Amino acid sequence: MTAILARRTMLAGLAALAMSAPRVPAEAGQARAALPPLSVWRDPYCGCCGAWIAHMRAAGFSVHDRIVAALAPIRQRLGTPSDLLSCHAAEVGGYALEGHVPAAAVVRLLRERPGGVRGLAVPGMPIGSPGMESPGTPPERYDVITFDASGRHAVFMRFVGGDPA
């Protein structure tokens, strides 16, 4: 009975997320047709990963959802630094993504294509980031971090919840 309630709660949360519009800049709507496919690797038991996937689909990305037993080999192939890890890994347009990166940051990355950047990461799982919304809990302020092949990190964008700060 507990498993059924947990599943219903997760499905209700995913449905609510799917009905809410992602916070993506207006110019991103023009580029939706040109968005490259997004591949996501995740654990089969993670509900927040599914909610992040729903956020990315709502923003116009075609998502290939891949359930895997271990993320370490994927992260090694993508070159994701160990100090930036979160709960899922993704790849889009030749860039690595780690964790709950908002669609607005991904669209900006794909539009600007900054030199030397290997990917974006949102370390940990900040409350209020896409897929980590918690009704009644104020969203946290967090950074979306770029990383390069040499291990350098820089702040790419700041967010409060799903909104650029």
N, C-alpha and C. Protein backbone atom coordinates (compact mmCIF):
# COMPACT_ATOMS: atom_id res chain seq x y z
N MET A 1 0.82 -1.19 0.00
CA MET A 1 0.00 0.00 0.00
C MET A 1 0.87 1.26 0.00
N THR A 2 1.96 1.25 0.79
CA THR A 2 2.85 2.40 0.85
C THR A 2 3.49 2.67 -0.50
N ALA A 3 3.87 1.63 -1.22
CA ALA A 3 4.48 1.80 -2.54
C ALA A 3 3.49 2.43 -3.51
N ILE A 4 2.22 2.05 -3.42
CA ILE A 4 1.20 2.62 -4.31
C ILE A 4 1.02 4.10 -4.01
N LEU A 5 0.98 4.48 -2.72
CA LEU A 5 0.85 5.89 -2.36
C LEU A 5 2.06 6.70 -2.80
N ALA A 6 3.24 6.14 -2.63
CA ALA A 6 4.45 6.84 -3.06
C ALA A 6 4.44 7.05 -4.56
N ARG A 7 4.01 6.05 -5.29
CA ARG A 7 3.95 6.17 -6.75
C ARG A 7 2.92 7.21 -7.16
N ARG A 8 1.76 7.20 -6.51
CA ARG A 8 0.73 8.20 -6.82
C ARG A 8 1.22 9.61 -6.52
N THR A 9 1.91 9.78 -5.42
CA THR A 9 2.45 11.09 -5.05
C THR A 9 3.45 11.56 -6.10
N MET A 10 4.34 10.65 -6.52
CA MET A 10 5.33 11.01 -7.54
C MET A 10 4.64 11.36 -8.85
N LEU A 11 3.66 10.58 -9.28
CA LEU A 11 2.96 10.85 -10.54
C LEU A 11 2.19 12.16 -10.47
N ALA A 12 1.59 12.46 -9.33
CA ALA A 12 0.88 13.73 -9.18
C ALA A 12 1.85 14.90 -9.28
N GLY A 13 3.02 14.74 -8.68
CA GLY A 13 4.04 15.80 -8.77
C GLY A 13 4.53 16.00 -10.19
N LEU A 14 4.74 14.92 -10.91
CA LEU A 14 5.18 15.02 -12.30
C LEU A 14 4.10 15.66 -13.17
N ALA A 15 2.84 15.31 -12.92
CA ALA A 15 1.75 15.90 -13.68
C ALA A 15 1.67 17.40 -13.43
N ALA A 16 1.82 17.81 -12.17
CA ALA A 16 1.78 19.24 -11.85
C ALA A 16 2.94 19.97 -12.51
N LEU A 17 4.11 19.36 -12.52
CA LEU A 17 5.26 19.99 -13.16
C LEU A 17 5.05 20.11 -14.67
N ALA A 18 4.52 19.07 -15.28
CA ALA A 18 4.31 19.09 -16.73
C ALA A 18 3.32 20.18 -17.13
N MET A 19 2.38 20.50 -16.23
CA MET A 19 1.40 21.53 -16.54
C MET A 19 1.94 22.93 -16.34
N SER A 20 3.02 23.07 -15.60
CA SER A 20 3.59 24.40 -15.39
C SER A 20 4.57 24.73 -16.49
N ALA A 21 4.56 25.96 -16.94
CA ALA A 21 5.43 26.37 -18.03
C ALA A 21 6.85 26.59 -17.52
N PRO A 22 7.85 26.13 -18.28
CA PRO A 22 9.22 26.40 -17.86
C PRO A 22 9.56 27.87 -18.06
N ARG A 23 10.51 28.34 -17.29
CA ARG A 23 10.92 29.73 -17.40
C ARG A 23 12.09 29.81 -18.36
N VAL A 24 11.77 30.05 -19.63
CA VAL A 24 12.76 30.11 -20.70
C VAL A 24 12.65 31.48 -21.34
N PRO A 25 13.78 32.13 -21.66
CA PRO A 25 13.71 33.44 -22.28
C PRO A 25 12.86 33.44 -23.54
N ALA A 26 12.24 34.60 -23.85
CA ALA A 26 11.35 34.70 -25.00
C ALA A 26 12.04 34.31 -26.30
N GLU A 27 13.30 34.70 -26.45
CA GLU A 27 13.99 34.39 -27.70
C GLU A 27 14.21 32.89 -27.88
N ALA A 28 14.12 32.14 -26.80
CA ALA A 28 14.30 30.69 -26.90
C ALA A 28 13.18 30.06 -27.70
N GLY A 29 11.99 30.66 -27.67
CA GLY A 29 10.87 30.12 -28.43
C GLY A 29 11.15 30.07 -29.92
N GLN A 30 11.89 31.05 -30.42
CA GLN A 30 12.24 31.09 -31.83
C GLN A 30 13.21 29.98 -32.20
N ALA A 31 14.04 29.57 -31.24
CA ALA A 31 15.08 28.58 -31.52
C ALA A 31 14.63 27.15 -31.24
N ARG A 32 13.40 26.97 -30.75
CA ARG A 32 12.95 25.63 -30.36
C ARG A 32 13.08 24.61 -31.47
N ALA A 33 12.75 25.00 -32.69
CA ALA A 33 12.83 24.06 -33.80
C ALA A 33 14.27 23.61 -34.04
N ALA A 34 15.23 24.44 -33.64
CA ALA A 34 16.64 24.14 -33.89
C ALA A 34 17.33 23.49 -32.70
N LEU A 35 16.61 23.20 -31.63
CA LEU A 35 17.24 22.60 -30.45
C LEU A 35 17.70 21.17 -30.76
N PRO A 36 18.94 20.86 -30.41
CA PRO A 36 19.43 19.49 -30.64
C PRO A 36 18.81 18.53 -29.63
N PRO A 37 18.80 17.23 -29.95
CA PRO A 37 18.26 16.26 -28.99
C PRO A 37 19.12 16.21 -27.73
N LEU A 38 18.48 15.86 -26.63
CA LEU A 38 19.11 15.81 -25.32
C LEU A 38 19.08 14.35 -24.85
N SER A 39 20.24 13.82 -24.49
CA SER A 39 20.33 12.48 -23.93
C SER A 39 20.55 12.60 -22.43
N VAL A 40 19.76 11.85 -21.65
CA VAL A 40 19.86 11.87 -20.19
C VAL A 40 20.13 10.46 -19.70
N TRP A 41 21.08 10.35 -18.76
CA TRP A 41 21.38 9.08 -18.10
C TRP A 41 21.04 9.25 -16.63
N ARG A 42 20.25 8.31 -16.09
CA ARG A 42 19.80 8.44 -14.72
C ARG A 42 19.54 7.09 -14.08
N ASP A 43 19.40 7.14 -12.77
CA ASP A 43 19.04 5.99 -11.96
C ASP A 43 17.54 5.72 -12.13
N PRO A 44 17.11 4.48 -12.16
CA PRO A 44 15.69 4.20 -12.38
C PRO A 44 14.78 4.63 -11.23
N TYR A 45 15.32 4.89 -10.06
CA TYR A 45 14.50 5.18 -8.89
C TYR A 45 14.45 6.66 -8.52
N CYS A 46 14.95 7.52 -9.37
CA CYS A 46 15.02 8.94 -9.05
C CYS A 46 13.84 9.70 -9.67
N GLY A 47 12.93 10.19 -8.84
CA GLY A 47 11.78 10.95 -9.32
C GLY A 47 12.12 12.36 -9.77
N CYS A 48 13.09 12.99 -9.12
CA CYS A 48 13.43 14.36 -9.51
C CYS A 48 14.04 14.41 -10.91
N CYS A 49 14.71 13.35 -11.31
CA CYS A 49 15.28 13.31 -12.67
C CYS A 49 14.15 13.33 -13.70
N GLY A 50 13.09 12.58 -13.44
CA GLY A 50 11.94 12.57 -14.34
C GLY A 50 11.29 13.94 -14.42
N ALA A 51 11.24 14.65 -13.29
CA ALA A 51 10.67 16.00 -13.29
C ALA A 51 11.55 16.96 -14.08
N TRP A 52 12.88 16.81 -14.01
CA TRP A 52 13.78 17.66 -14.81
C TRP A 52 13.60 17.36 -16.30
N ILE A 53 13.43 16.09 -16.63
CA ILE A 53 13.19 15.71 -18.03
C ILE A 53 11.91 16.37 -18.53
N ALA A 54 10.85 16.36 -17.72
CA ALA A 54 9.60 17.02 -18.10
C ALA A 54 9.82 18.51 -18.34
N HIS A 55 10.64 19.17 -17.51
CA HIS A 55 10.98 20.59 -17.68
C HIS A 55 11.67 20.81 -19.03
N MET A 56 12.62 19.95 -19.35
CA MET A 56 13.36 20.11 -20.61
C MET A 56 12.45 19.86 -21.82
N ARG A 57 11.58 18.87 -21.74
CA ARG A 57 10.62 18.61 -22.83
C ARG A 57 9.68 19.79 -23.01
N ALA A 58 9.20 20.36 -21.90
CA ALA A 58 8.31 21.52 -21.98
C ALA A 58 9.01 22.71 -22.61
N ALA A 59 10.33 22.77 -22.51
CA ALA A 59 11.11 23.86 -23.12
C ALA A 59 11.40 23.60 -24.59
N GLY A 60 11.00 22.44 -25.10
CA GLY A 60 11.16 22.16 -26.52
C GLY A 60 12.23 21.16 -26.88
N PHE A 61 12.90 20.58 -25.90
CA PHE A 61 13.93 19.59 -26.19
C PHE A 61 13.32 18.22 -26.41
N SER A 62 13.85 17.50 -27.38
CA SER A 62 13.54 16.10 -27.58
C SER A 62 14.49 15.32 -26.67
N VAL A 63 13.95 14.55 -25.74
CA VAL A 63 14.77 13.91 -24.71
C VAL A 63 14.82 12.40 -24.90
N HIS A 64 16.03 11.87 -24.89
CA HIS A 64 16.26 10.43 -24.89
C HIS A 64 16.60 10.05 -23.46
N ASP A 65 15.68 9.41 -22.77
CA ASP A 65 15.81 9.05 -21.36
C ASP A 65 16.44 7.67 -21.26
N ARG A 66 17.61 7.59 -20.66
CA ARG A 66 18.35 6.34 -20.57
C ARG A 66 18.55 5.94 -19.12
N ILE A 67 17.96 4.84 -18.74
CA ILE A 67 18.11 4.30 -17.39
C ILE A 67 19.37 3.45 -17.36
N VAL A 68 20.26 3.74 -16.42
CA VAL A 68 21.52 3.00 -16.31
C VAL A 68 21.77 2.58 -14.86
N ALA A 69 22.54 1.53 -14.71
CA ALA A 69 22.88 1.04 -13.37
C ALA A 69 23.98 1.89 -12.72
N ALA A 70 24.85 2.49 -13.54
CA ALA A 70 25.98 3.27 -13.01
C ALA A 70 26.21 4.50 -13.89
N LEU A 71 26.33 5.65 -13.25
CA LEU A 71 26.57 6.90 -13.98
C LEU A 71 28.05 7.23 -14.16
N ALA A 72 28.91 6.63 -13.35
CA ALA A 72 30.34 6.98 -13.38
C ALA A 72 30.96 6.86 -14.77
N PRO A 73 30.71 5.78 -15.53
CA PRO A 73 31.32 5.70 -16.86
C PRO A 73 30.83 6.82 -17.80
N ILE A 74 29.57 7.20 -17.67
CA ILE A 74 29.02 8.28 -18.51
C ILE A 74 29.69 9.60 -18.15
N ARG A 75 29.77 9.87 -16.86
CA ARG A 75 30.39 11.12 -16.41
C ARG A 75 31.87 11.19 -16.79
N GLN A 76 32.53 10.07 -16.77
CA GLN A 76 33.94 10.05 -17.19
C GLN A 76 34.04 10.38 -18.67
N ARG A 77 33.17 9.79 -19.48
CA ARG A 77 33.18 10.07 -20.93
C ARG A 77 32.86 11.53 -21.21
N LEU A 78 31.94 12.10 -20.43
CA LEU A 78 31.55 13.50 -20.63
C LEU A 78 32.57 14.48 -20.05
N GLY A 79 33.45 14.01 -19.18
CA GLY A 79 34.45 14.88 -18.57
C GLY A 79 33.91 15.74 -17.44
N THR A 80 32.91 15.26 -16.74
CA THR A 80 32.31 16.02 -15.66
C THR A 80 33.19 15.94 -14.41
N PRO A 81 33.62 17.08 -13.87
CA PRO A 81 34.44 17.07 -12.65
C PRO A 81 33.67 16.49 -11.45
N SER A 82 34.36 15.75 -10.62
CA SER A 82 33.71 15.08 -9.49
C SER A 82 33.16 16.05 -8.45
N ASP A 83 33.68 17.27 -8.38
CA ASP A 83 33.16 18.22 -7.40
C ASP A 83 31.89 18.92 -7.86
N LEU A 84 31.41 18.61 -9.07
CA LEU A 84 30.20 19.24 -9.59
C LEU A 84 29.04 18.25 -9.75
N LEU A 85 29.14 17.07 -9.16
CA LEU A 85 28.15 16.03 -9.39
C LEU A 85 26.80 16.34 -8.74
N SER A 86 25.77 15.77 -9.34
CA SER A 86 24.41 15.85 -8.85
C SER A 86 23.78 14.48 -9.04
N CYS A 87 22.53 14.42 -9.51
CA CYS A 87 21.85 13.12 -9.56
C CYS A 87 21.73 12.52 -10.96
N HIS A 88 21.88 13.29 -12.02
CA HIS A 88 21.80 12.73 -13.37
C HIS A 88 22.78 13.45 -14.28
N ALA A 89 23.10 12.80 -15.39
CA ALA A 89 24.02 13.36 -16.38
C ALA A 89 23.27 13.47 -17.71
N ALA A 90 23.68 14.43 -18.53
CA ALA A 90 23.04 14.62 -19.82
C ALA A 90 24.06 15.15 -20.82
N GLU A 91 23.67 15.08 -22.09
CA GLU A 91 24.51 15.62 -23.16
C GLU A 91 23.58 16.23 -24.21
N VAL A 92 23.95 17.43 -24.68
CA VAL A 92 23.17 18.12 -25.70
C VAL A 92 24.11 18.98 -26.55
N GLY A 93 24.01 18.84 -27.84
CA GLY A 93 24.79 19.68 -28.74
C GLY A 93 26.29 19.63 -28.51
N GLY A 94 26.81 18.50 -28.03
CA GLY A 94 28.23 18.38 -27.77
C GLY A 94 28.66 18.85 -26.39
N TYR A 95 27.72 19.27 -25.56
CA TYR A 95 28.00 19.74 -24.20
C TYR A 95 27.48 18.74 -23.17
N ALA A 96 28.21 18.62 -22.08
CA ALA A 96 27.78 17.82 -20.93
C ALA A 96 26.91 18.69 -20.03
N LEU A 97 25.93 18.06 -19.41
CA LEU A 97 25.11 18.72 -18.40
C LEU A 97 25.10 17.82 -17.18
N GLU A 98 25.18 18.42 -16.02
CA GLU A 98 25.14 17.66 -14.77
C GLU A 98 24.11 18.29 -13.85
N GLY A 99 23.13 17.50 -13.45
CA GLY A 99 22.15 17.95 -12.48
C GLY A 99 21.04 18.79 -13.05
N HIS A 100 20.43 19.59 -12.19
CA HIS A 100 19.19 20.31 -12.49
C HIS A 100 19.45 21.65 -13.17
N VAL A 101 20.11 21.61 -14.31
CA VAL A 101 20.42 22.82 -15.08
C VAL A 101 19.12 23.32 -15.73
N PRO A 102 18.73 24.57 -15.48
CA PRO A 102 17.51 25.10 -16.10
C PRO A 102 17.62 25.18 -17.62
N ALA A 103 16.50 24.98 -18.29
CA ALA A 103 16.46 25.05 -19.75
C ALA A 103 16.99 26.39 -20.26
N ALA A 104 16.70 27.47 -19.54
CA ALA A 104 17.16 28.80 -19.97
C ALA A 104 18.68 28.85 -20.08
N ALA A 105 19.39 28.20 -19.17
CA ALA A 105 20.85 28.17 -19.22
C ALA A 105 21.34 27.33 -20.39
N VAL A 106 20.67 26.23 -20.65
CA VAL A 106 21.06 25.35 -21.76
C VAL A 106 20.84 26.05 -23.10
N VAL A 107 19.71 26.74 -23.23
CA VAL A 107 19.43 27.48 -24.47
C VAL A 107 20.49 28.56 -24.68
N ARG A 108 20.86 29.27 -23.62
CA ARG A 108 21.91 30.30 -23.74
C ARG A 108 23.24 29.67 -24.15
N LEU A 109 23.60 28.54 -23.52
CA LEU A 109 24.85 27.85 -23.86
C LEU A 109 24.87 27.48 -25.34
N LEU A 110 23.79 26.92 -25.84
CA LEU A 110 23.72 26.50 -27.24
C LEU A 110 23.73 27.69 -28.19
N ARG A 111 23.17 28.81 -27.77
CA ARG A 111 23.16 30.01 -28.61
C ARG A 111 24.54 30.66 -28.66
N GLU A 112 25.20 30.78 -27.50
CA GLU A 112 26.47 31.51 -27.42
C GLU A 112 27.68 30.64 -27.73
N ARG A 113 27.63 29.36 -27.42
CA ARG A 113 28.73 28.41 -27.62
C ARG A 113 30.08 28.99 -27.18
N PRO A 114 30.21 29.27 -25.87
CA PRO A 114 31.46 29.87 -25.38
C PRO A 114 32.65 28.94 -25.57
N GLY A 115 33.74 29.50 -26.04
CA GLY A 115 34.94 28.72 -26.32
C GLY A 115 35.50 28.04 -25.09
N GLY A 116 35.94 26.80 -25.25
CA GLY A 116 36.59 26.05 -24.20
C GLY A 116 35.66 25.40 -23.20
N VAL A 117 34.38 25.75 -23.21
CA VAL A 117 33.44 25.19 -22.24
C VAL A 117 33.07 23.77 -22.65
N ARG A 118 33.19 22.85 -21.71
CA ARG A 118 32.82 21.45 -21.94
C ARG A 118 31.39 21.18 -21.51
N GLY A 119 30.91 21.94 -20.50
CA GLY A 119 29.54 21.70 -20.05
C GLY A 119 29.10 22.61 -18.93
N LEU A 120 27.87 22.36 -18.48
CA LEU A 120 27.25 23.11 -17.39
C LEU A 120 26.88 22.14 -16.27
N ALA A 121 26.92 22.65 -15.05
CA ALA A 121 26.54 21.82 -13.91
C ALA A 121 25.83 22.67 -12.86
N VAL A 122 24.89 22.02 -12.18
CA VAL A 122 24.29 22.55 -10.96
C VAL A 122 24.59 21.50 -9.90
N PRO A 123 25.67 21.72 -9.14
CA PRO A 123 26.06 20.74 -8.13
C PRO A 123 24.99 20.59 -7.05
N GLY A 124 24.91 19.40 -6.51
CA GLY A 124 23.91 19.14 -5.48
C GLY A 124 22.52 19.14 -6.09
N MET A 125 21.57 19.44 -5.29
CA MET A 125 20.18 19.44 -5.75
C MET A 125 19.44 20.61 -5.09
N PRO A 126 19.69 21.85 -5.58
CA PRO A 126 19.10 23.02 -4.92
C PRO A 126 17.57 22.99 -4.95
N ILE A 127 16.95 23.30 -3.83
CA ILE A 127 15.50 23.37 -3.75
C ILE A 127 15.00 24.47 -4.68
N GLY A 128 14.01 24.14 -5.49
CA GLY A 128 13.43 25.10 -6.41
C GLY A 128 14.02 25.04 -7.80
N SER A 129 15.17 24.38 -7.99
CA SER A 129 15.70 24.22 -9.34
C SER A 129 14.76 23.29 -10.11
N PRO A 130 14.76 23.34 -11.45
CA PRO A 130 13.83 22.50 -12.21
C PRO A 130 13.93 21.03 -11.81
N GLY A 131 12.80 20.48 -11.39
CA GLY A 131 12.75 19.11 -10.93
C GLY A 131 12.86 18.99 -9.43
N MET A 132 13.27 20.06 -8.76
CA MET A 132 13.44 20.04 -7.30
C MET A 132 12.49 21.01 -6.60
N GLU A 133 11.40 21.35 -7.28
CA GLU A 133 10.41 22.24 -6.67
C GLU A 133 9.78 21.55 -5.47
N SER A 134 9.52 22.32 -4.44
CA SER A 134 8.91 21.78 -3.22
C SER A 134 7.86 22.79 -2.75
N PRO A 135 6.57 22.48 -2.98
CA PRO A 135 5.52 23.43 -2.58
C PRO A 135 5.65 23.83 -1.11
N GLY A 136 5.54 25.13 -0.87
CA GLY A 136 5.62 25.64 0.48
C GLY A 136 7.03 25.92 0.96
N THR A 137 8.04 25.55 0.16
CA THR A 137 9.43 25.78 0.53
C THR A 137 10.01 26.83 -0.41
N PRO A 138 10.58 27.92 0.12
CA PRO A 138 11.14 28.94 -0.76
C PRO A 138 12.30 28.38 -1.59
N PRO A 139 12.38 28.76 -2.86
CA PRO A 139 13.48 28.28 -3.70
C PRO A 139 14.82 28.86 -3.27
N GLU A 140 15.86 28.09 -3.46
CA GLU A 140 17.21 28.54 -3.13
C GLU A 140 17.82 29.31 -4.29
N ARG A 141 18.79 30.15 -3.97
CA ARG A 141 19.61 30.82 -4.97
C ARG A 141 20.78 29.88 -5.26
N TYR A 142 21.10 29.68 -6.53
CA TYR A 142 22.20 28.77 -6.89
C TYR A 142 22.85 29.21 -8.19
N ASP A 143 24.04 28.69 -8.42
CA ASP A 143 24.81 29.01 -9.62
C ASP A 143 24.77 27.84 -10.60
N VAL A 144 24.71 28.19 -11.88
CA VAL A 144 24.98 27.24 -12.95
C VAL A 144 26.44 27.47 -13.31
N ILE A 145 27.22 26.41 -13.24
CA ILE A 145 28.68 26.49 -13.38
C ILE A 145 29.12 25.92 -14.73
N THR A 146 30.03 26.63 -15.40
CA THR A 146 30.69 26.05 -16.58
C THR A 146 31.93 25.30 -16.11
N PHE A 147 32.31 24.29 -16.88
CA PHE A 147 33.58 23.61 -16.64
C PHE A 147 34.23 23.33 -17.97
N ASP A 148 35.58 23.28 -17.94
CA ASP A 148 36.32 23.00 -19.17
C ASP A 148 37.17 21.75 -18.99
N ALA A 149 37.90 21.39 -20.01
CA ALA A 149 38.69 20.16 -19.99
C ALA A 149 39.80 20.19 -18.95
N SER A 150 40.27 21.38 -18.58
CA SER A 150 41.35 21.48 -17.60
C SER A 150 40.85 21.49 -16.16
N GLY A 151 39.53 21.48 -15.98
CA GLY A 151 38.97 21.48 -14.63
C GLY A 151 38.60 22.84 -14.10
N ARG A 152 38.81 23.90 -14.89
CA ARG A 152 38.42 25.24 -14.44
C ARG A 152 36.90 25.36 -14.40
N HIS A 153 36.41 26.10 -13.41
CA HIS A 153 34.98 26.35 -13.25
C HIS A 153 34.74 27.86 -13.27
N ALA A 154 33.57 28.25 -13.73
CA ALA A 154 33.17 29.66 -13.68
C ALA A 154 31.64 29.71 -13.57
N VAL A 155 31.14 30.78 -12.97
CA VAL A 155 29.70 30.97 -12.90
C VAL A 155 29.21 31.41 -14.27
N PHE A 156 28.22 30.71 -14.79
CA PHE A 156 27.62 31.01 -16.09
C PHE A 156 26.35 31.84 -15.92
N MET A 157 25.51 31.43 -14.97
CA MET A 157 24.28 32.14 -14.66
C MET A 157 23.93 31.88 -13.20
N ARG A 158 23.13 32.79 -12.63
CA ARG A 158 22.61 32.59 -11.28
C ARG A 158 21.09 32.50 -11.37
N PHE A 159 20.52 31.66 -10.53
CA PHE A 159 19.07 31.46 -10.52
C PHE A 159 18.55 31.49 -9.10
N VAL A 160 17.29 31.83 -8.96
CA VAL A 160 16.52 31.61 -7.75
C VAL A 160 15.37 30.74 -8.22
N GLY A 161 15.37 29.49 -7.77
CA GLY A 161 14.40 28.54 -8.31
C GLY A 161 14.65 28.39 -9.81
N GLY A 162 13.61 28.54 -10.61
CA GLY A 162 13.76 28.43 -12.05
C GLY A 162 13.98 29.74 -12.77
N ASP A 163 14.11 30.83 -12.01
CA ASP A 163 14.25 32.17 -12.61
C ASP A 163 15.67 32.68 -12.55
N PRO A 164 16.17 33.23 -13.67
CA PRO A 164 17.50 33.87 -13.62
C PRO A 164 17.50 34.99 -12.56
N ALA A 165 18.58 35.07 -11.79
CA ALA A 165 18.66 36.09 -10.74
C ALA A 165 19.45 37.28 -11.21
